[in-house]
Amino acid sequence: MRLGVLDVGSNTVHFLVVDAHPGAAPLPAYSHKIELRLAELLDAGGSIREDGVQQLVDMVVSSMRVAEDKGVEEVLPFATSAVREAANGEAVLKRVQDETGVELRVLSGGDEARLTFLAARRWYGWSSGRLLLLDIGGGSLEIACGLDEEPDTAVSLPLGAGRLTAGWLPGDPPGPERVRELRKHIRAEIARTVAEVSRLGPPDHVVGTSKTFKQLARITGAARESEGPLVSRRLPRGALEDWVPRLAAMTTDQRVLLPGVSAGRARQLLAGALVAEAAMDLYRVDELDICPWALREGVILRRLDRMSG
């Protein structure tokens, strides 16, 4: 069947059309997205601004047109931390439903971590053993670890690259003192979760998902995205540590010139790199694999599982 996944994320609103059926890998058929960066479109009270809400409504309307044009049989609409944590989140959800007819399901941080873990487990299979997943979004960092398709632990922290950039890194480039303060904050937050994950034993395989990890891997020498999802891509901690001070000294315009870095994500790349570096250091990860599948694929796989159950 043809499914549509409407992912209202903290950075991007993405409508992905896939051909899918139980027991097979979902095949992307069409992609429609905008970089809205809801995590940064907040007023002083923590509410999503009117311009952000209107752009979201317009994107949902255009996505439903795409769904009709592409013959989508079912749409799976969901929202993550930007809407979940906005002061006016409930009002935003109601307005989207009133004006578009689409009821967005708000995923909890734990849901995000578990569904992304499911996608990574299906991609790499049982031979990966104990799997540790790290996912850096625009609004939050998800961490999950376990031996099965359901992780033994799933944690969500408010350490998304967009959120941290907006709240901690003014200036272009930001001042060294602000970077140090953010680094200290990130490490204190992640350190609180180390014991919970470490008690499960050392992971056999560590993977990173999300655009942030893909871009960090690319600037440290990984293959281009155009070479396809089956090409192995890795992020070594040593190479990342070398890049962090370089990114801190760069302006946004300079980061855009780096391989694989998009204009819409360049400003957030330093915060994302600080989160990635801290997580890999505190969890004692020397190198991780970049997983092509993430939350959207997890949502699709969970839906297919229910169809076949």
Protein backbone atom coordinates (compact mmCIF):
# COMPACT_ATOMS: atom_id res chain seq x y z
CA MET A 1 0.00 0.00 0.00
CA ARG A 2 1.04 3.62 -0.43
CA LEU A 3 1.50 5.48 2.86
CA GLY A 4 2.24 9.11 3.57
CA VAL A 5 4.19 10.14 6.67
CA LEU A 6 3.78 13.75 7.79
CA ASP A 7 6.63 14.52 10.17
CA VAL A 8 6.37 17.90 11.92
CA GLY A 9 9.85 18.13 13.38
CA SER A 10 11.72 20.87 15.16
CA ASN A 11 13.76 21.69 12.06
CA THR A 12 11.88 20.28 9.09
CA VAL A 13 8.29 19.54 8.16
CA HIS A 14 8.55 16.54 5.85
CA PHE A 15 5.86 14.66 3.99
CA LEU A 16 7.27 11.37 2.72
CA VAL A 17 5.32 9.06 0.41
CA VAL A 18 6.38 5.40 0.60
CA ASP A 19 5.28 2.13 -0.94
CA ALA A 20 5.13 -0.38 1.89
CA HIS A 21 3.73 -3.72 2.96
CA PRO A 22 4.42 -6.01 5.93
CA GLY A 23 7.65 -7.96 5.68
CA ALA A 24 9.35 -5.61 3.21
CA ALA A 25 11.45 -2.47 3.47
CA PRO A 26 9.42 0.70 2.78
CA LEU A 27 10.44 2.26 -0.52
CA PRO A 28 10.43 6.08 -0.77
CA ALA A 29 8.31 7.28 -3.69
CA TYR A 30 8.12 11.07 -3.22
CA SER A 31 9.41 13.69 -0.78
CA HIS A 32 7.89 17.09 -0.01
CA LYS A 33 9.53 19.18 2.72
CA ILE A 34 10.43 22.62 4.03
CA GLU A 35 12.96 23.71 6.64
CA LEU A 36 10.59 25.57 8.95
CA ARG A 37 12.77 25.37 12.13
CA LEU A 38 9.88 25.60 14.58
CA ALA A 39 12.29 25.21 17.50
CA GLU A 40 13.65 28.67 16.67
CA LEU A 41 10.33 30.37 15.86
CA LEU A 42 9.39 31.00 19.49
CA ASP A 43 8.38 34.22 21.23
CA ALA A 44 9.59 35.28 24.67
CA GLY A 45 6.92 33.14 26.33
CA GLY A 46 7.90 29.96 24.54
CA SER A 47 4.98 29.96 22.08
CA ILE A 48 5.37 29.26 18.37
CA ARG A 49 4.98 32.60 16.62
CA GLU A 50 2.07 33.34 14.29
CA ASP A 51 4.28 33.23 11.20
CA GLY A 52 5.48 29.76 12.18
CA VAL A 53 1.94 28.49 12.81
CA GLN A 54 0.71 29.83 9.47
CA GLN A 55 3.63 28.26 7.59
CA LEU A 56 2.89 24.96 9.32
CA VAL A 57 -0.78 25.11 8.32
CA ASP A 58 0.17 25.93 4.73
CA MET A 59 2.61 23.01 4.63
CA VAL A 60 0.01 20.57 5.95
CA VAL A 61 -2.46 21.76 3.29
CA SER A 62 0.11 21.31 0.51
CA SER A 63 1.06 17.88 1.89
CA MET A 64 -2.54 16.71 1.71
CA ARG A 65 -2.65 17.83 -1.94
CA VAL A 66 0.47 15.77 -2.58
CA ALA A 67 -1.14 12.80 -0.82
CA GLU A 68 -4.12 13.02 -3.15
CA ASP A 69 -2.01 13.47 -6.26
CA LYS A 70 0.27 10.53 -5.41
CA GLY A 71 -2.53 8.11 -4.53
CA VAL A 72 -1.74 7.82 -0.82
CA GLU A 73 -4.15 5.45 0.94
CA GLU A 74 -3.32 6.44 4.52
CA VAL A 75 -1.51 9.38 6.12
CA LEU A 76 0.44 8.99 9.38
CA PRO A 77 0.76 12.54 10.80
CA PHE A 78 2.86 13.25 13.89
CA ALA A 79 4.71 16.07 15.66
CA THR A 80 7.75 16.01 17.91
CA SER A 81 9.39 18.24 20.52
CA ALA A 82 8.84 21.69 18.98
CA VAL A 83 5.04 21.35 19.17
CA ARG A 84 5.10 19.10 22.24
CA GLU A 85 6.95 21.67 24.34
CA ALA A 86 5.59 24.92 22.91
CA ALA A 87 3.53 26.96 25.36
CA ASN A 88 0.75 27.16 22.75
CA GLY A 89 1.14 23.58 21.53
CA GLU A 90 -2.48 22.61 22.13
CA ALA A 91 -3.71 25.70 20.30
CA VAL A 92 -1.40 24.95 17.37
CA LEU A 93 -2.71 21.38 17.12
CA LYS A 94 -6.32 22.61 17.21
CA ARG A 95 -5.69 25.20 14.53
CA VAL A 96 -4.02 22.66 12.25
CA GLN A 97 -6.97 20.30 12.68
CA ASP A 98 -9.59 23.04 12.22
CA GLU A 99 -7.99 24.45 9.07
CA THR A 100 -6.71 21.25 7.42
CA GLY A 101 -8.68 18.36 8.91
CA VAL A 102 -5.41 16.69 9.94
CA GLU A 103 -5.03 15.56 13.54
CA LEU A 104 -1.35 15.55 14.44
CA ARG A 105 -0.31 12.87 16.92
CA VAL A 106 2.19 14.32 19.38
CA LEU A 107 4.93 11.83 20.17
CA SER A 108 6.54 11.84 23.58
CA GLY A 109 10.31 11.92 23.81
CA GLY A 110 10.25 8.27 24.84
CA ASP A 111 8.12 7.43 21.79
CA GLU A 112 10.63 9.18 19.54
CA ALA A 113 13.51 7.23 21.03
CA ARG A 114 11.71 3.86 20.84
CA LEU A 115 10.48 4.29 17.26
CA THR A 116 13.87 5.48 16.04
CA PHE A 117 15.48 2.53 17.81
CA LEU A 118 13.06 0.17 16.06
CA ALA A 119 14.10 1.62 12.68
CA ALA A 120 17.81 1.20 13.46
CA ARG A 121 17.30 -2.35 14.72
CA ARG A 122 15.45 -3.34 11.53
CA TRP A 123 18.13 -1.71 9.38
CA TYR A 124 21.11 -3.43 11.04
CA GLY A 125 19.43 -6.64 12.22
CA TRP A 126 20.02 -8.95 15.15
CA SER A 127 23.72 -9.40 14.36
CA SER A 128 24.31 -5.96 15.87
CA GLY A 129 23.74 -7.37 19.35
CA ARG A 130 23.27 -4.73 22.03
CA LEU A 131 22.48 -1.56 20.10
CA LEU A 132 23.04 2.00 21.35
CA LEU A 133 21.19 4.68 19.39
CA LEU A 134 21.87 8.43 19.43
CA ASP A 135 19.57 10.83 17.56
CA ILE A 136 20.09 14.62 17.53
CA GLY A 137 17.01 16.51 16.39
CA GLY A 138 16.22 20.19 16.32
CA GLY A 139 14.57 20.15 19.74
CA SER A 140 15.86 17.08 21.56
CA LEU A 141 18.46 14.34 21.85
CA GLU A 142 17.12 10.79 21.95
CA ILE A 143 19.12 7.92 23.45
CA ALA A 144 18.02 4.28 23.41
CA CYS A 145 19.78 1.02 24.13
CA GLY A 146 18.82 -2.64 24.12
CA LEU A 147 19.04 -6.13 22.70
CA ASP A 148 15.56 -6.42 21.20
CA GLU A 149 13.30 -4.31 18.99
CA GLU A 150 11.96 -2.59 22.10
CA PRO A 151 14.88 -0.86 23.87
CA ASP A 152 15.66 -1.57 27.52
CA THR A 153 16.04 2.16 28.10
CA ALA A 154 14.82 5.16 26.11
CA VAL A 155 15.67 8.72 27.11
CA SER A 156 14.89 12.12 25.62
CA LEU A 157 16.83 15.24 26.62
CA PRO A 158 16.17 18.89 25.63
CA LEU A 159 19.45 19.05 23.71
CA GLY A 160 18.34 19.58 20.12
CA ALA A 161 20.66 21.54 17.84
CA GLY A 162 18.07 24.19 17.00
CA ARG A 163 16.93 24.71 20.59
CA LEU A 164 20.51 25.05 21.87
CA THR A 165 21.56 27.40 19.08
CA ALA A 166 18.63 29.73 19.72
CA GLY A 167 19.03 29.70 23.48
CA TRP A 168 22.79 29.59 23.99
CA LEU A 169 24.75 30.74 20.94
CA PRO A 170 24.13 34.36 19.95
CA GLY A 171 26.63 35.90 17.58
CA ASP A 172 28.13 34.67 14.35
CA PRO A 173 30.45 33.13 15.31
CA PRO A 174 29.42 32.88 18.97
CA GLY A 175 31.85 34.02 21.65
CA PRO A 176 34.19 31.43 23.22
CA GLU A 177 32.65 31.89 26.67
CA ARG A 178 29.15 31.07 25.39
CA VAL A 179 30.49 27.97 23.67
CA ARG A 180 32.16 26.83 26.91
CA GLU A 181 28.97 27.44 28.89
CA LEU A 182 26.95 25.40 26.39
CA ARG A 183 29.51 22.60 26.39
CA LYS A 184 29.31 22.42 30.21
CA HIS A 185 25.49 22.38 30.12
CA ILE A 186 25.33 19.62 27.50
CA ARG A 187 27.75 17.39 29.35
CA ALA A 188 25.93 17.82 32.67
CA GLU A 189 22.62 16.84 31.05
CA ILE A 190 24.00 13.76 29.28
CA ALA A 191 26.03 12.65 32.32
CA ARG A 192 22.79 12.13 34.25
CA THR A 193 21.83 9.34 31.83
CA VAL A 194 25.14 7.49 31.69
CA ALA A 195 24.49 5.20 34.66
CA GLU A 196 21.06 4.19 33.31
CA VAL A 197 22.54 3.14 29.98
CA SER A 198 25.82 1.72 31.29
CA ARG A 199 24.08 -0.69 33.66
CA LEU A 200 22.89 -2.60 30.58
CA GLY A 201 26.50 -3.42 29.65
CA PRO A 202 28.70 -2.09 26.85
CA PRO A 203 27.00 -1.83 23.45
CA ASP A 204 28.07 -4.08 20.60
CA HIS A 205 27.09 -1.51 17.98
CA VAL A 206 26.57 2.26 18.21
CA VAL A 207 24.59 4.17 15.60
CA GLY A 208 23.66 7.79 15.02
CA THR A 209 20.65 9.01 13.10
CA SER A 210 19.48 12.47 11.99
CA LYS A 211 20.74 15.14 9.64
CA THR A 212 23.18 16.44 12.23
CA PHE A 213 25.08 13.16 12.45
CA LYS A 214 25.01 12.78 8.65
CA GLN A 215 26.53 16.23 8.16
CA LEU A 216 29.17 15.69 10.84
CA ALA A 217 30.13 12.39 9.23
CA ARG A 218 30.32 14.05 5.83
CA ILE A 219 32.67 16.83 6.93
CA THR A 220 34.92 14.22 8.58
CA GLY A 221 35.23 12.30 5.33
CA ALA A 222 32.15 10.06 4.91
CA ALA A 223 30.64 9.34 1.49
CA ARG A 224 28.24 11.77 -0.17
CA GLU A 225 24.52 11.25 0.27
CA SER A 226 24.21 10.86 -3.51
CA GLU A 227 26.12 7.57 -3.29
CA GLY A 228 23.04 5.96 -1.74
CA PRO A 229 21.92 4.56 1.62
CA LEU A 230 23.77 1.24 1.32
CA VAL A 231 27.23 2.87 1.48
CA SER A 232 28.77 2.54 4.94
CA ARG A 233 29.25 5.87 6.71
CA ARG A 234 31.00 6.33 10.05
CA LEU A 235 31.77 9.16 12.43
CA PRO A 236 35.04 8.74 14.41
CA ARG A 237 35.17 10.59 17.71
CA GLY A 238 38.77 11.73 17.16
CA ALA A 239 37.90 13.43 13.87
CA LEU A 240 34.84 15.06 15.44
CA GLU A 241 36.91 16.41 18.33
CA ASP A 242 39.27 17.99 15.82
CA TRP A 243 36.38 19.67 14.04
CA VAL A 244 34.55 21.18 17.04
CA PRO A 245 36.95 24.12 17.64
CA ARG A 246 37.11 24.74 13.90
CA LEU A 247 33.30 24.93 13.69
CA ALA A 248 33.24 27.25 16.72
CA ALA A 249 35.51 29.70 14.94
CA MET A 250 33.51 29.69 11.68
CA THR A 251 30.69 31.97 10.66
CA THR A 252 27.48 30.47 9.28
CA ASP A 253 28.51 31.47 5.76
CA GLN A 254 31.80 29.62 6.18
CA ARG A 255 30.09 26.47 7.43
CA VAL A 256 27.79 26.43 4.39
CA LEU A 257 30.89 25.89 2.24
CA LEU A 258 31.72 22.62 4.04
CA PRO A 259 30.85 19.39 2.21
CA GLY A 260 27.32 18.17 2.88
CA VAL A 261 26.27 21.15 5.04
CA SER A 262 22.98 22.77 4.02
CA ALA A 263 22.30 26.49 4.38
CA GLY A 264 19.35 25.81 6.66
CA ARG A 265 21.39 23.70 9.10
CA ALA A 266 24.74 25.51 9.04
CA ARG A 267 23.99 27.78 12.01
CA GLN A 268 22.98 24.77 14.15
CA LEU A 269 25.97 22.62 13.27
CA LEU A 270 28.20 23.75 16.15
CA ALA A 271 25.56 22.96 18.79
CA GLY A 272 24.93 19.60 17.14
CA ALA A 273 28.65 18.85 17.11
CA LEU A 274 28.95 19.70 20.82
CA VAL A 275 26.10 17.28 21.61
CA ALA A 276 27.55 14.52 19.43
CA GLU A 277 31.03 14.96 20.91
CA ALA A 278 29.72 14.92 24.49
CA ALA A 279 27.56 11.85 23.95
CA MET A 280 30.34 9.88 22.27
CA ASP A 281 32.82 10.87 24.98
CA LEU A 282 30.57 10.19 27.99
CA TYR A 283 29.33 6.88 26.55
CA ARG A 284 32.92 5.94 25.59
CA VAL A 285 32.12 5.59 21.90
CA ASP A 286 35.17 5.72 19.63
CA GLU A 287 33.19 5.48 16.39
CA LEU A 288 29.56 5.17 15.35
CA ASP A 289 27.74 4.16 12.18
CA ILE A 290 25.30 6.51 10.46
CA CYS A 291 21.92 4.80 10.09
CA PRO A 292 19.89 5.79 7.00
CA TRP A 293 16.61 5.04 8.77
CA ALA A 294 15.23 7.08 11.66
CA LEU A 295 11.93 8.20 13.20
CA ARG A 296 9.82 8.33 10.02
CA GLU A 297 10.78 4.78 9.12
CA GLY A 298 10.06 3.69 12.68
CA VAL A 299 6.53 5.11 12.43
CA ILE A 300 5.99 3.27 9.14
CA LEU A 301 7.36 -0.02 10.47
CA ARG A 302 5.17 0.15 13.59
CA ARG A 303 2.10 0.74 11.40
CA LEU A 304 3.00 -2.22 9.16
CA ASP A 305 3.50 -4.44 12.21
CA ARG A 306 -0.02 -3.64 13.37
CA MET A 307 -1.40 -4.45 9.93
CA SER A 308 0.17 -7.92 10.02
CA GLY A 309 -0.59 -8.62 13.68
